[in-house]
PDB file of N, CA and C in Angstrom:
ATOM      1  N   MET A   1      10.385 -39.133  15.071  1.00  0.00           N
ATOM      2  CA  MET A   1       9.517 -38.179  14.432  1.00  0.00           C
ATOM      3  C   MET A   1      10.041 -36.684  14.809  1.00  0.00           C
ATOM      4  N   VAL A   2      10.451 -36.514  16.092  1.00  0.00           N
ATOM      5  CA  VAL A   2      10.934 -35.241  16.403  1.00  0.00           C
ATOM      6  C   VAL A   2      12.202 -34.839  15.675  1.00  0.00           C
ATOM      7  N   LEU A   3      13.001 -35.803  15.507  1.00  0.00           N
ATOM      8  CA  LEU A   3      14.262 -35.610  14.797  1.00  0.00           C
ATOM      9  C   LEU A   3      13.908 -35.284  13.318  1.00  0.00           C
ATOM     10  N   ILE A   4      13.072 -35.834  12.665  1.00  0.00           N
ATOM     11  CA  ILE A   4      12.629 -35.502  11.309  1.00  0.00           C
ATOM     12  C   ILE A   4      12.158 -34.185  11.240  1.00  0.00           C
ATOM     13  N   ILE A   5      11.243 -33.657  12.245  1.00  0.00           N
ATOM     14  CA  ILE A   5      10.861 -32.357  12.215  1.00  0.00           C
ATOM     15  C   ILE A   5      11.940 -31.457  12.498  1.00  0.00           C
ATOM     16  N   ALA A   6      12.933 -31.665  13.253  1.00  0.00           N
ATOM     17  CA  ALA A   6      13.982 -30.753  13.614  1.00  0.00           C
ATOM     18  C   ALA A   6      14.885 -30.625  12.385  1.00  0.00           C
ATOM     19  N   ILE A   7      15.079 -31.705  11.611  1.00  0.00           N
ATOM     20  CA  ILE A   7      15.873 -31.593  10.365  1.00  0.00           C
ATOM     21  C   ILE A   7      15.249 -30.760   9.435  1.00  0.00           C
ATOM     22  N   LEU A   8      13.970 -31.021   9.085  1.00  0.00           N
ATOM     23  CA  LEU A   8      13.191 -30.192   8.187  1.00  0.00           C
ATOM     24  C   LEU A   8      13.107 -28.745   8.505  1.00  0.00           C
ATOM     25  N   ASN A   9      12.954 -28.447   9.841  1.00  0.00           N
ATOM     26  CA  ASN A   9      12.867 -27.110  10.397  1.00  0.00           C
ATOM     27  C   ASN A   9      14.294 -26.402  10.022  1.00  0.00           C
ATOM     28  N   ASP A  10      15.375 -27.077  10.376  1.00  0.00           N
ATOM     29  CA  ASP A  10      16.675 -26.426  10.064  1.00  0.00           C
ATOM     30  C   ASP A  10      16.949 -26.340   8.562  1.00  0.00           C
ATOM     31  N   GLY A  11      16.392 -27.156   7.753  1.00  0.00           N
ATOM     32  CA  GLY A  11      16.527 -27.007   6.317  1.00  0.00           C
ATOM     33  C   GLY A  11      15.777 -25.706   5.772  1.00  0.00           C
ATOM     34  N   THR A  12      14.600 -25.482   6.307  1.00  0.00           N
ATOM     35  CA  THR A  12      13.845 -24.489   5.955  1.00  0.00           C
ATOM     36  C   THR A  12      14.455 -23.141   6.352  1.00  0.00           C
ATOM     37  N   ILE A  13      15.011 -23.149   7.562  1.00  0.00           N
ATOM     38  CA  ILE A  13      15.550 -21.911   8.157  1.00  0.00           C
ATOM     39  C   ILE A  13      16.822 -21.614   7.444  1.00  0.00           C
ATOM     40  N   MET A  14      17.552 -22.574   7.033  1.00  0.00           N
ATOM     41  CA  MET A  14      18.969 -22.298   6.314  1.00  0.00           C
ATOM     42  C   MET A  14      18.530 -21.782   4.930  1.00  0.00           C
ATOM     43  N   THR A  15      17.426 -22.201   4.271  1.00  0.00           N
ATOM     44  CA  THR A  15      17.085 -21.774   2.930  1.00  0.00           C
ATOM     45  C   THR A  15      16.738 -20.174   2.842  1.00  0.00           C
ATOM     46  N   ILE A  16      16.008 -19.854   4.007  1.00  0.00           N
ATOM     47  CA  ILE A  16      15.637 -18.448   4.085  1.00  0.00           C
ATOM     48  C   ILE A  16      16.436 -17.578   4.769  1.00  0.00           C
ATOM     49  N   SER A  17      17.474 -18.000   5.301  1.00  0.00           N
ATOM     50  CA  SER A  17      18.468 -17.274   6.046  1.00  0.00           C
ATOM     51  C   SER A  17      19.331 -16.328   5.114  1.00  0.00           C
ATOM     52  N   LYS A  18      19.492 -16.603   3.881  1.00  0.00           N
ATOM     53  CA  LYS A  18      20.300 -15.847   2.962  1.00  0.00           C
ATOM     54  C   LYS A  18      19.227 -15.127   2.082  1.00  0.00           C
ATOM     55  N   ASP A  19      19.186 -13.729   2.239  1.00  0.00           N
ATOM     56  CA  ASP A  19      18.400 -13.118   1.370  1.00  0.00           C
ATOM     57  C   ASP A  19      19.192 -11.952   0.535  1.00  0.00           C
ATOM     58  N   ARG A  20      18.691 -11.481  -0.548  1.00  0.00           N
ATOM     59  CA  ARG A  20      19.372 -10.563  -1.405  1.00  0.00           C
ATOM     60  C   ARG A  20      18.680  -9.222  -1.336  1.00  0.00           C
ATOM     61  N   VAL A  21      18.422  -8.793  -0.192  1.00  0.00           N
ATOM     62  CA  VAL A  21      17.672  -7.580  -0.094  1.00  0.00           C
ATOM     63  C   VAL A  21      18.746  -6.551  -0.009  1.00  0.00           C
ATOM     64  N   LYS A  22      18.447  -5.433  -0.811  1.00  0.00           N
ATOM     65  CA  LYS A  22      19.320  -4.234  -0.806  1.00  0.00           C
ATOM     66  C   LYS A  22      18.908  -3.356   0.413  1.00  0.00           C
ATOM     67  N   PRO A  23      19.880  -2.937   1.272  1.00  0.00           N
ATOM     68  CA  PRO A  23      19.404  -1.986   2.390  1.00  0.00           C
ATOM     69  C   PRO A  23      18.875  -0.747   1.988  1.00  0.00           C
ATOM     70  N   SER A  24      17.989  -0.132   2.617  1.00  0.00           N
ATOM     71  CA  SER A  24      17.510   1.207   2.274  1.00  0.00           C
ATOM     72  C   SER A  24      18.432   2.261   2.688  1.00  0.00           C
ATOM     73  N   PRO A  25      18.454   3.377   2.007  1.00  0.00           N
ATOM     74  CA  PRO A  25      19.458   4.548   2.286  1.00  0.00           C
ATOM     75  C   PRO A  25      18.950   5.035   3.652  1.00  0.00           C
ATOM     76  N   LYS A  26      17.803   5.136   3.914  1.00  0.00           N
ATOM     77  CA  LYS A  26      17.412   5.836   5.184  1.00  0.00           C
ATOM     78  C   LYS A  26      16.585   4.854   6.130  1.00  0.00           C
ATOM     79  N   PRO A  27      16.497   4.946   7.297  1.00  0.00           N
ATOM     80  CA  PRO A  27      15.818   3.917   8.144  1.00  0.00           C
ATOM     81  C   PRO A  27      14.405   3.962   7.912  1.00  0.00           C
ATOM     82  N   ASP A  28      13.845   2.652   7.803  1.00  0.00           N
ATOM     83  CA  ASP A  28      12.428   2.349   7.521  1.00  0.00           C
ATOM     84  C   ASP A  28      11.642   2.664   8.773  1.00  0.00           C
ATOM     85  N   SER A  29      10.312   3.122   8.614  1.00  0.00           N
ATOM     86  CA  SER A  29       9.508   3.281   9.760  1.00  0.00           C
ATOM     87  C   SER A  29       8.233   2.630   9.447  1.00  0.00           C
ATOM     88  N   TRP A  30       7.498   2.176  10.547  1.00  0.00           N
ATOM     89  CA  TRP A  30       6.272   1.529  10.465  1.00  0.00           C
ATOM     90  C   TRP A  30       5.071   2.664  10.256  1.00  0.00           C
ATOM     91  N   LYS A  31       4.109   2.303   9.399  1.00  0.00           N
ATOM     92  CA  LYS A  31       2.989   3.075   9.123  1.00  0.00           C
ATOM     93  C   LYS A  31       1.976   2.551  10.101  1.00  0.00           C
ATOM     94  N   LEU A  32       2.051   2.799  11.423  1.00  0.00           N
ATOM     95  CA  LEU A  32       1.097   2.244  12.342  1.00  0.00           C
ATOM     96  C   LEU A  32      -0.316   2.803  12.260  1.00  0.00           C
ATOM     97  N   ASN A  33      -0.433   4.114  11.909  1.00  0.00           N
ATOM     98  CA  ASN A  33      -1.730   4.592  11.751  1.00  0.00           C
ATOM     99  C   ASN A  33      -2.569   3.911  10.688  1.00  0.00           C
ATOM    100  N   GLU A  34      -1.963   3.556   9.481  1.00  0.00           N
ATOM    101  CA  GLU A  34      -2.518   2.944   8.450  1.00  0.00           C
ATOM    102  C   GLU A  34      -2.760   1.441   8.892  1.00  0.00           C
ATOM    103  N   ILE A  35      -1.883   0.868   9.623  1.00  0.00           N
ATOM    104  CA  ILE A  35      -2.078  -0.569  10.085  1.00  0.00           C
ATOM    105  C   ILE A  35      -3.257  -0.663  10.991  1.00  0.00           C
ATOM    106  N   PHE A  36      -3.299   0.243  11.979  1.00  0.00           N
ATOM    107  CA  PHE A  36      -4.356   0.224  12.951  1.00  0.00           C
ATOM    108  C   PHE A  36      -5.767   0.616  12.336  1.00  0.00           C
ATOM    109  N   ALA A  37      -5.776   1.501  11.402  1.00  0.00           N
ATOM    110  CA  ALA A  37      -6.974   1.819  10.715  1.00  0.00           C
ATOM    111  C   ALA A  37      -7.647   0.652   9.975  1.00  0.00           C
ATOM    112  N   MET A  38      -6.644   0.002   9.191  1.00  0.00           N
ATOM    113  CA  MET A  38      -7.107  -1.207   8.419  1.00  0.00           C
ATOM    114  C   MET A  38      -7.470  -2.331   9.302  1.00  0.00           C
ATOM    115  N   GLY A  39      -6.841  -2.487  10.444  1.00  0.00           N
ATOM    116  CA  GLY A  39      -7.317  -3.435  11.432  1.00  0.00           C
ATOM    117  C   GLY A  39      -8.679  -3.234  11.951  1.00  0.00           C
ATOM    118  N   ILE A  40      -9.018  -1.886  12.313  1.00  0.00           N
ATOM    119  CA  ILE A  40     -10.193  -1.557  12.831  1.00  0.00           C
ATOM    120  C   ILE A  40     -11.432  -1.841  11.831  1.00  0.00           C
ATOM    121  N   VAL A  41     -11.031  -1.352  10.490  1.00  0.00           N
ATOM    122  CA  VAL A  41     -12.041  -1.573   9.477  1.00  0.00           C
ATOM    123  C   VAL A  41     -12.368  -3.037   9.233  1.00  0.00           C
ATOM    124  N   ILE A  42     -11.332  -3.917   9.177  1.00  0.00           N
ATOM    125  CA  ILE A  42     -11.508  -5.369   8.831  1.00  0.00           C
ATOM    126  C   ILE A  42     -12.186  -5.946  10.113  1.00  0.00           C
ATOM    127  N   GLY A  43     -11.768  -5.587  11.301  1.00  0.00           N
ATOM    128  CA  GLY A  43     -12.429  -6.202  12.541  1.00  0.00           C
ATOM    129  C   GLY A  43     -13.789  -5.822  12.640  1.00  0.00           C
ATOM    130  N   THR A  44     -14.228  -4.511  12.265  1.00  0.00           N
ATOM    131  CA  THR A  44     -15.604  -4.116  12.324  1.00  0.00           C
ATOM    132  C   THR A  44     -16.392  -4.909  11.295  1.00  0.00           C
ATOM    133  N   TYR A  45     -15.949  -5.030  10.092  1.00  0.00           N
ATOM    134  CA  TYR A  45     -16.641  -5.811   9.087  1.00  0.00           C
ATOM    135  C   TYR A  45     -16.760  -7.285   9.578  1.00  0.00           C
ATOM    136  N   LEU A  46     -15.831  -7.857   9.997  1.00  0.00           N
ATOM    137  CA  LEU A  46     -15.893  -9.381  10.384  1.00  0.00           C
ATOM    138  C   LEU A  46     -16.857  -9.476  11.530  1.00  0.00           C
ATOM    139  N   ALA A  47     -16.917  -8.454  12.635  1.00  0.00           N
ATOM    140  CA  ALA A  47     -17.840  -8.522  13.634  1.00  0.00           C
ATOM    141  C   ALA A  47     -19.388  -8.389  13.060  1.00  0.00           C
ATOM    142  N   MET A  48     -19.492  -7.527  12.106  1.00  0.00           N
ATOM    143  CA  MET A  48     -20.826  -7.203  11.589  1.00  0.00           C
ATOM    144  C   MET A  48     -21.329  -8.434  10.710  1.00  0.00           C
ATOM    145  N   VAL A  49     -20.427  -9.062   9.996  1.00  0.00           N
ATOM    146  CA  VAL A  49     -20.862 -10.158   9.262  1.00  0.00           C
ATOM    147  C   VAL A  49     -21.085 -11.506  10.141  1.00  0.00           C
ATOM    148  N   THR A  50     -20.348 -11.553  11.147  1.00  0.00           N
ATOM    149  CA  THR A  50     -20.679 -12.556  12.234  1.00  0.00           C
ATOM    150  C   THR A  50     -22.127 -12.430  12.777  1.00  0.00           C
ATOM    151  N   VAL A  51     -22.351 -11.194  13.193  1.00  0.00           N
ATOM    152  CA  VAL A  51     -23.700 -10.941  13.898  1.00  0.00           C
ATOM    153  C   VAL A  51     -24.706 -11.218  12.912  1.00  0.00           C
ATOM    154  N   LEU A  52     -24.578 -10.748  11.554  1.00  0.00           N
ATOM    155  CA  LEU A  52     -25.613 -10.866  10.568  1.00  0.00           C
ATOM    156  C   LEU A  52     -25.842 -12.368  10.217  1.00  0.00           C
ATOM    157  N   PHE A  53     -24.796 -13.212  10.178  1.00  0.00           N
ATOM    158  CA  PHE A  53     -24.926 -14.577   9.939  1.00  0.00           C
ATOM    159  C   PHE A  53     -25.587 -15.409  11.066  1.00  0.00           C
ATOM    160  N   TYR A  54     -25.353 -14.775  12.314  1.00  0.00           N
ATOM    161  CA  TYR A  54     -25.867 -15.338  13.576  1.00  0.00           C
ATOM    162  C   TYR A  54     -27.409 -15.133  13.600  1.00  0.00           C
ATOM    163  N   TRP A  55     -27.854 -13.829  13.221  1.00  0.00           N
ATOM    164  CA  TRP A  55     -29.282 -13.589  13.362  1.00  0.00           C
ATOM    165  C   TRP A  55     -29.923 -14.129  11.956  1.00  0.00           C
ATOM    166  N   ALA A  56     -29.295 -14.418  10.841  1.00  0.00           N
ATOM    167  CA  ALA A  56     -30.061 -14.782   9.655  1.00  0.00           C
ATOM    168  C   ALA A  56     -30.492 -16.216   9.656  1.00  0.00           C
TER     169      ALA A  56
END
């Protein structure tokens, strides 16, 4: 079973290892402010919905 999983894993890794992405002319940067803000919004929403369903 482990051998089958290893072979399937190797097959999937080999299929995604070749991409046709064109490199960007300038270095990419993370938009961390946007990511953190969206995480806080979604986390707050999920916490409020959980409390709402708990008390309902």
